[in-house]
Structure formats: structure tokens, C-alpha cells
Amino acid sequence: MDALQKYSQDHFLERAIGYLRAGYPTMSLACEPLEDFGREGMGMAFALGIERECDVIRYLEMLLIWSQRRGAAMPDWAVELLNTSQVPPEKKVDLIYSRMLREL
């Protein structure tokens, strides 16, 4: 079962990285390869309870955009929302993503 889970996560990570590369071809990460960024971000998303594939991809997308525009710092309001237990994880991603798009 662990092998199946690892395969699923690796396959998902490949798709997520492909999506990020296609959507943001001019963005780069000076400090780490995109695969490492994706793997670390995926682990952070899972730790926050974000598990749906579309939500994890949007979470990675937000991290990538903020790393380019804010020097990798997630805004305080987003951190507060991610850390609250009063809002379901999928709703957190929706709220953060919507606000991020409005602020760009």
C-alpha cells in the first residue's frame, strides 16, 4: 500500500510541476529546482489538511507567485487563515486564492 501511495504522489507531483511550468514558463526559482519546490509545497499542503488535487495545485501556484512577488513570504492574512481550524481546508484555498488574484 505504501508503494501505491508513493507512486500516486509522485505521479501527481509530475502533473503539478507540468502545470506550473506550462502556466508560468518565465518564472524560476533561484534557490531550488521546481521539483523540490513542488515536493516541499505538497508536503506543506498535506500538513495543513489540503488534500484535493486541485487545491494542492492552487496552493503550489500561490506559493510560486508569492515567491516571485514577495520574496517567498506568504502574507500574514493568508498564514492566519491557513492556521485556523474554523474553516475547512478546501474553503481556505478558495478564499486565499480569490484574494490573491484580486491583489495582483
N, C-alpha and C. Protein backbone atom coordinates (compact mmCIF):
# COMPACT_ATOMS: atom_id res chain seq x y z
N MET A 1 0.81 -1.19 0.00
CA MET A 1 0.00 0.00 0.00
C MET A 1 0.86 1.26 0.00
N ASP A 2 1.97 1.25 0.73
CA ASP A 2 2.86 2.40 0.75
C ASP A 2 3.43 2.68 -0.64
N ALA A 3 3.73 1.62 -1.38
CA ALA A 3 4.27 1.80 -2.74
C ALA A 3 3.24 2.46 -3.64
N LEU A 4 1.99 2.07 -3.50
CA LEU A 4 0.92 2.67 -4.30
C LEU A 4 0.75 4.15 -3.95
N GLN A 5 0.80 4.46 -2.67
CA GLN A 5 0.67 5.85 -2.23
C GLN A 5 1.83 6.69 -2.76
N LYS A 6 3.05 6.15 -2.68
CA LYS A 6 4.22 6.88 -3.18
C LYS A 6 4.11 7.09 -4.69
N TYR A 7 3.69 6.05 -5.40
CA TYR A 7 3.51 6.17 -6.85
C TYR A 7 2.48 7.26 -7.17
N SER A 8 1.37 7.25 -6.46
CA SER A 8 0.31 8.24 -6.69
C SER A 8 0.80 9.65 -6.42
N GLN A 9 1.54 9.83 -5.33
CA GLN A 9 2.06 11.16 -5.01
C GLN A 9 3.10 11.61 -6.04
N ASP A 10 3.98 10.69 -6.46
CA ASP A 10 4.99 11.05 -7.46
C ASP A 10 4.33 11.41 -8.79
N HIS A 11 3.32 10.64 -9.18
CA HIS A 11 2.61 10.92 -10.43
C HIS A 11 1.88 12.26 -10.33
N PHE A 12 1.25 12.51 -9.21
CA PHE A 12 0.57 13.79 -9.00
C PHE A 12 1.58 14.94 -9.06
N LEU A 13 2.72 14.77 -8.41
CA LEU A 13 3.74 15.81 -8.42
C LEU A 13 4.21 16.11 -9.84
N GLU A 14 4.39 15.08 -10.65
CA GLU A 14 4.78 15.29 -12.04
C GLU A 14 3.74 16.14 -12.78
N ARG A 15 2.47 15.83 -12.59
CA ARG A 15 1.40 16.60 -13.23
C ARG A 15 1.38 18.04 -12.72
N ALA A 16 1.55 18.21 -11.42
CA ALA A 16 1.53 19.56 -10.83
C ALA A 16 2.70 20.39 -11.36
N ILE A 17 3.88 19.81 -11.44
CA ILE A 17 5.05 20.53 -11.95
C ILE A 17 4.84 20.88 -13.42
N GLY A 18 4.28 19.94 -14.18
CA GLY A 18 3.98 20.23 -15.59
C GLY A 18 3.02 21.39 -15.73
N TYR A 19 2.00 21.42 -14.88
CA TYR A 19 1.04 22.52 -14.88
C TYR A 19 1.73 23.85 -14.57
N LEU A 20 2.57 23.86 -13.54
CA LEU A 20 3.25 25.10 -13.15
C LEU A 20 4.19 25.57 -14.25
N ARG A 21 4.91 24.64 -14.87
CA ARG A 21 5.83 25.01 -15.95
C ARG A 21 5.06 25.58 -17.14
N ALA A 22 3.93 24.96 -17.47
CA ALA A 22 3.14 25.43 -18.61
C ALA A 22 2.48 26.78 -18.32
N GLY A 23 2.00 26.95 -17.11
CA GLY A 23 1.30 28.18 -16.75
C GLY A 23 2.20 29.36 -16.46
N TYR A 24 3.40 29.06 -16.02
CA TYR A 24 4.34 30.12 -15.62
C TYR A 24 5.72 29.85 -16.20
N PRO A 25 5.85 29.85 -17.53
CA PRO A 25 7.12 29.48 -18.15
C PRO A 25 8.27 30.43 -17.85
N THR A 26 7.97 31.68 -17.52
CA THR A 26 9.04 32.64 -17.27
C THR A 26 9.47 32.69 -15.81
N MET A 27 8.71 32.03 -14.93
CA MET A 27 9.07 32.05 -13.52
C MET A 27 10.11 30.98 -13.23
N SER A 28 11.02 31.33 -12.39
CA SER A 28 12.04 30.36 -11.99
C SER A 28 12.30 30.52 -10.50
N LEU A 29 12.89 29.51 -9.94
CA LEU A 29 13.26 29.55 -8.54
C LEU A 29 14.78 29.53 -8.47
N ALA A 30 15.35 30.58 -7.97
CA ALA A 30 16.80 30.69 -7.93
C ALA A 30 17.41 29.69 -6.95
N CYS A 31 16.69 29.36 -5.89
CA CYS A 31 17.30 28.60 -4.82
C CYS A 31 17.09 27.09 -4.93
N GLU A 32 16.13 26.61 -5.70
CA GLU A 32 15.88 25.18 -5.75
C GLU A 32 15.17 24.79 -7.03
N PRO A 33 15.36 23.55 -7.46
CA PRO A 33 14.63 23.08 -8.65
C PRO A 33 13.12 23.07 -8.39
N LEU A 34 12.36 23.22 -9.45
CA LEU A 34 10.91 23.26 -9.32
C LEU A 34 10.37 21.97 -8.71
N GLU A 35 11.01 20.84 -9.01
CA GLU A 35 10.56 19.57 -8.44
C GLU A 35 10.68 19.57 -6.92
N ASP A 36 11.80 20.09 -6.40
CA ASP A 36 11.98 20.16 -4.95
C ASP A 36 10.98 21.12 -4.33
N PHE A 37 10.77 22.23 -4.99
CA PHE A 37 9.78 23.20 -4.54
C PHE A 37 8.40 22.55 -4.47
N GLY A 38 8.05 21.81 -5.52
CA GLY A 38 6.75 21.15 -5.56
C GLY A 38 6.60 20.09 -4.49
N ARG A 39 7.63 19.29 -4.29
CA ARG A 39 7.57 18.23 -3.27
C ARG A 39 7.43 18.84 -1.87
N GLU A 40 8.21 19.88 -1.60
CA GLU A 40 8.13 20.54 -0.29
C GLU A 40 6.77 21.21 -0.10
N GLY A 41 6.29 21.91 -1.13
CA GLY A 41 4.99 22.57 -1.05
C GLY A 41 3.85 21.58 -0.90
N MET A 42 3.96 20.43 -1.57
CA MET A 42 2.93 19.40 -1.46
C MET A 42 2.90 18.86 -0.03
N GLY A 43 4.06 18.67 0.57
CA GLY A 43 4.11 18.22 1.97
C GLY A 43 3.50 19.25 2.91
N MET A 44 3.76 20.53 2.63
CA MET A 44 3.18 21.59 3.46
C MET A 44 1.66 21.61 3.31
N ALA A 45 1.18 21.44 2.09
CA ALA A 45 -0.27 21.42 1.85
C ALA A 45 -0.91 20.27 2.61
N PHE A 46 -0.33 19.08 2.51
CA PHE A 46 -0.88 17.92 3.22
C PHE A 46 -0.89 18.16 4.73
N ALA A 47 0.17 18.77 5.25
CA ALA A 47 0.24 19.05 6.68
C ALA A 47 -0.86 20.01 7.13
N LEU A 48 -1.30 20.88 6.22
CA LEU A 48 -2.37 21.83 6.52
C LEU A 48 -3.75 21.24 6.29
N GLY A 49 -3.80 19.99 5.85
CA GLY A 49 -5.08 19.35 5.59
C GLY A 49 -5.60 19.56 4.19
N ILE A 50 -4.79 20.17 3.33
CA ILE A 50 -5.17 20.41 1.94
C ILE A 50 -4.81 19.15 1.16
N GLU A 51 -5.82 18.42 0.70
CA GLU A 51 -5.56 17.12 0.08
C GLU A 51 -6.13 16.96 -1.32
N ARG A 52 -7.15 17.73 -1.66
CA ARG A 52 -7.72 17.61 -3.01
C ARG A 52 -6.70 18.09 -4.03
N GLU A 53 -6.59 17.35 -5.12
CA GLU A 53 -5.58 17.64 -6.12
C GLU A 53 -5.65 19.08 -6.62
N CYS A 54 -6.83 19.56 -6.95
CA CYS A 54 -6.95 20.93 -7.46
C CYS A 54 -6.53 21.96 -6.41
N ASP A 55 -6.82 21.68 -5.14
CA ASP A 55 -6.44 22.61 -4.07
C ASP A 55 -4.93 22.61 -3.84
N VAL A 56 -4.32 21.44 -3.92
CA VAL A 56 -2.86 21.36 -3.75
C VAL A 56 -2.17 22.12 -4.87
N ILE A 57 -2.66 21.95 -6.10
CA ILE A 57 -2.06 22.67 -7.23
C ILE A 57 -2.22 24.17 -7.05
N ARG A 58 -3.39 24.61 -6.62
CA ARG A 58 -3.58 26.05 -6.39
C ARG A 58 -2.69 26.55 -5.26
N TYR A 59 -2.51 25.74 -4.22
CA TYR A 59 -1.61 26.10 -3.13
C TYR A 59 -0.19 26.27 -3.66
N LEU A 60 0.27 25.32 -4.48
CA LEU A 60 1.61 25.42 -5.08
C LEU A 60 1.72 26.66 -5.96
N GLU A 61 0.66 26.93 -6.71
CA GLU A 61 0.64 28.11 -7.57
C GLU A 61 0.76 29.39 -6.74
N MET A 62 0.04 29.44 -5.63
CA MET A 62 0.13 30.63 -4.77
C MET A 62 1.54 30.78 -4.21
N LEU A 63 2.13 29.68 -3.76
CA LEU A 63 3.50 29.75 -3.24
C LEU A 63 4.47 30.24 -4.30
N LEU A 64 4.31 29.75 -5.52
CA LEU A 64 5.18 30.16 -6.61
C LEU A 64 5.03 31.65 -6.91
N ILE A 65 3.80 32.11 -7.00
CA ILE A 65 3.56 33.53 -7.29
C ILE A 65 4.11 34.41 -6.18
N TRP A 66 3.84 34.03 -4.92
CA TRP A 66 4.35 34.85 -3.82
C TRP A 66 5.87 34.80 -3.74
N SER A 67 6.48 33.68 -4.10
CA SER A 67 7.94 33.62 -4.07
C SER A 67 8.55 34.59 -5.07
N GLN A 68 7.83 34.84 -6.16
CA GLN A 68 8.32 35.77 -7.18
C GLN A 68 8.02 37.22 -6.84
N ARG A 69 6.92 37.46 -6.16
CA ARG A 69 6.48 38.84 -5.92
C ARG A 69 6.76 39.36 -4.52
N ARG A 70 6.89 38.46 -3.58
CA ARG A 70 7.05 38.88 -2.19
C ARG A 70 8.31 38.32 -1.55
N GLY A 71 9.19 37.75 -2.34
CA GLY A 71 10.40 37.17 -1.78
C GLY A 71 10.10 35.96 -0.91
N ALA A 72 9.14 35.15 -1.31
CA ALA A 72 8.76 33.89 -0.65
C ALA A 72 7.95 34.07 0.62
N ALA A 73 7.60 35.28 0.95
CA ALA A 73 6.82 35.49 2.17
C ALA A 73 5.34 35.44 1.87
N MET A 74 4.64 34.53 2.52
CA MET A 74 3.19 34.47 2.40
C MET A 74 2.63 35.58 3.27
N PRO A 75 1.64 36.30 2.78
CA PRO A 75 1.08 37.40 3.58
C PRO A 75 0.52 36.90 4.92
N ASP A 76 0.57 37.76 5.91
CA ASP A 76 0.10 37.39 7.25
C ASP A 76 -1.35 36.92 7.25
N TRP A 77 -2.20 37.60 6.46
CA TRP A 77 -3.60 37.21 6.44
C TRP A 77 -3.78 35.78 5.92
N ALA A 78 -2.95 35.36 4.97
CA ALA A 78 -3.04 34.00 4.42
C ALA A 78 -2.57 32.98 5.45
N VAL A 79 -1.50 33.30 6.15
CA VAL A 79 -0.99 32.39 7.19
C VAL A 79 -2.04 32.21 8.28
N GLU A 80 -2.66 33.32 8.69
CA GLU A 80 -3.70 33.23 9.73
C GLU A 80 -4.86 32.35 9.28
N LEU A 81 -5.28 32.53 8.04
CA LEU A 81 -6.39 31.73 7.52
C LEU A 81 -6.00 30.25 7.42
N LEU A 82 -4.79 29.96 6.98
CA LEU A 82 -4.35 28.57 6.88
C LEU A 82 -4.28 27.90 8.25
N ASN A 83 -3.98 28.65 9.27
CA ASN A 83 -3.81 28.08 10.60
C ASN A 83 -5.10 28.00 11.42
N THR A 84 -6.19 28.54 10.92
CA THR A 84 -7.44 28.46 11.67
C THR A 84 -8.10 27.10 11.46
N SER A 85 -8.71 26.60 12.48
CA SER A 85 -9.41 25.31 12.37
C SER A 85 -10.90 25.52 12.11
N GLN A 86 -11.33 26.75 12.04
CA GLN A 86 -12.75 27.05 11.89
C GLN A 86 -13.21 27.03 10.43
N VAL A 87 -12.27 26.94 9.51
CA VAL A 87 -12.60 26.94 8.08
C VAL A 87 -12.05 25.65 7.47
N PRO A 88 -12.87 24.92 6.70
CA PRO A 88 -12.39 23.69 6.07
C PRO A 88 -11.24 23.98 5.10
N PRO A 89 -10.28 23.05 4.95
CA PRO A 89 -9.11 23.28 4.09
C PRO A 89 -9.45 23.72 2.67
N GLU A 90 -10.45 23.08 2.05
CA GLU A 90 -10.77 23.45 0.67
C GLU A 90 -11.34 24.87 0.59
N LYS A 91 -12.03 25.32 1.60
CA LYS A 91 -12.55 26.69 1.64
C LYS A 91 -11.41 27.69 1.85
N LYS A 92 -10.42 27.28 2.66
CA LYS A 92 -9.26 28.15 2.89
C LYS A 92 -8.57 28.47 1.57
N VAL A 93 -8.35 27.44 0.77
CA VAL A 93 -7.67 27.63 -0.51
C VAL A 93 -8.49 28.54 -1.41
N ASP A 94 -9.80 28.33 -1.46
CA ASP A 94 -10.66 29.19 -2.28
C ASP A 94 -10.56 30.65 -1.86
N LEU A 95 -10.64 30.90 -0.56
CA LEU A 95 -10.60 32.27 -0.05
C LEU A 95 -9.25 32.94 -0.31
N ILE A 96 -8.19 32.21 -0.05
CA ILE A 96 -6.84 32.77 -0.24
C ILE A 96 -6.58 33.03 -1.72
N TYR A 97 -6.92 32.06 -2.55
CA TYR A 97 -6.68 32.19 -4.00
C TYR A 97 -7.46 33.38 -4.57
N SER A 98 -8.71 33.51 -4.19
CA SER A 98 -9.53 34.62 -4.68
C SER A 98 -8.94 35.97 -4.28
N ARG A 99 -8.54 36.07 -3.03
CA ARG A 99 -7.96 37.36 -2.58
C ARG A 99 -6.62 37.62 -3.25
N MET A 100 -5.82 36.59 -3.41
CA MET A 100 -4.53 36.77 -4.06
C MET A 100 -4.73 37.31 -5.49
N LEU A 101 -5.69 36.74 -6.22
CA LEU A 101 -5.93 37.20 -7.58
C LEU A 101 -6.40 38.66 -7.61
N ARG A 102 -7.21 39.04 -6.64
CA ARG A 102 -7.67 40.44 -6.58
C ARG A 102 -6.52 41.39 -6.29
N GLU A 103 -5.53 40.93 -5.54
CA GLU A 103 -4.43 41.80 -5.14
C GLU A 103 -3.31 41.87 -6.17
N LEU A 104 -3.34 40.99 -7.16
CA LEU A 104 -2.27 41.01 -8.17
C LEU A 104 -2.39 42.16 -9.12
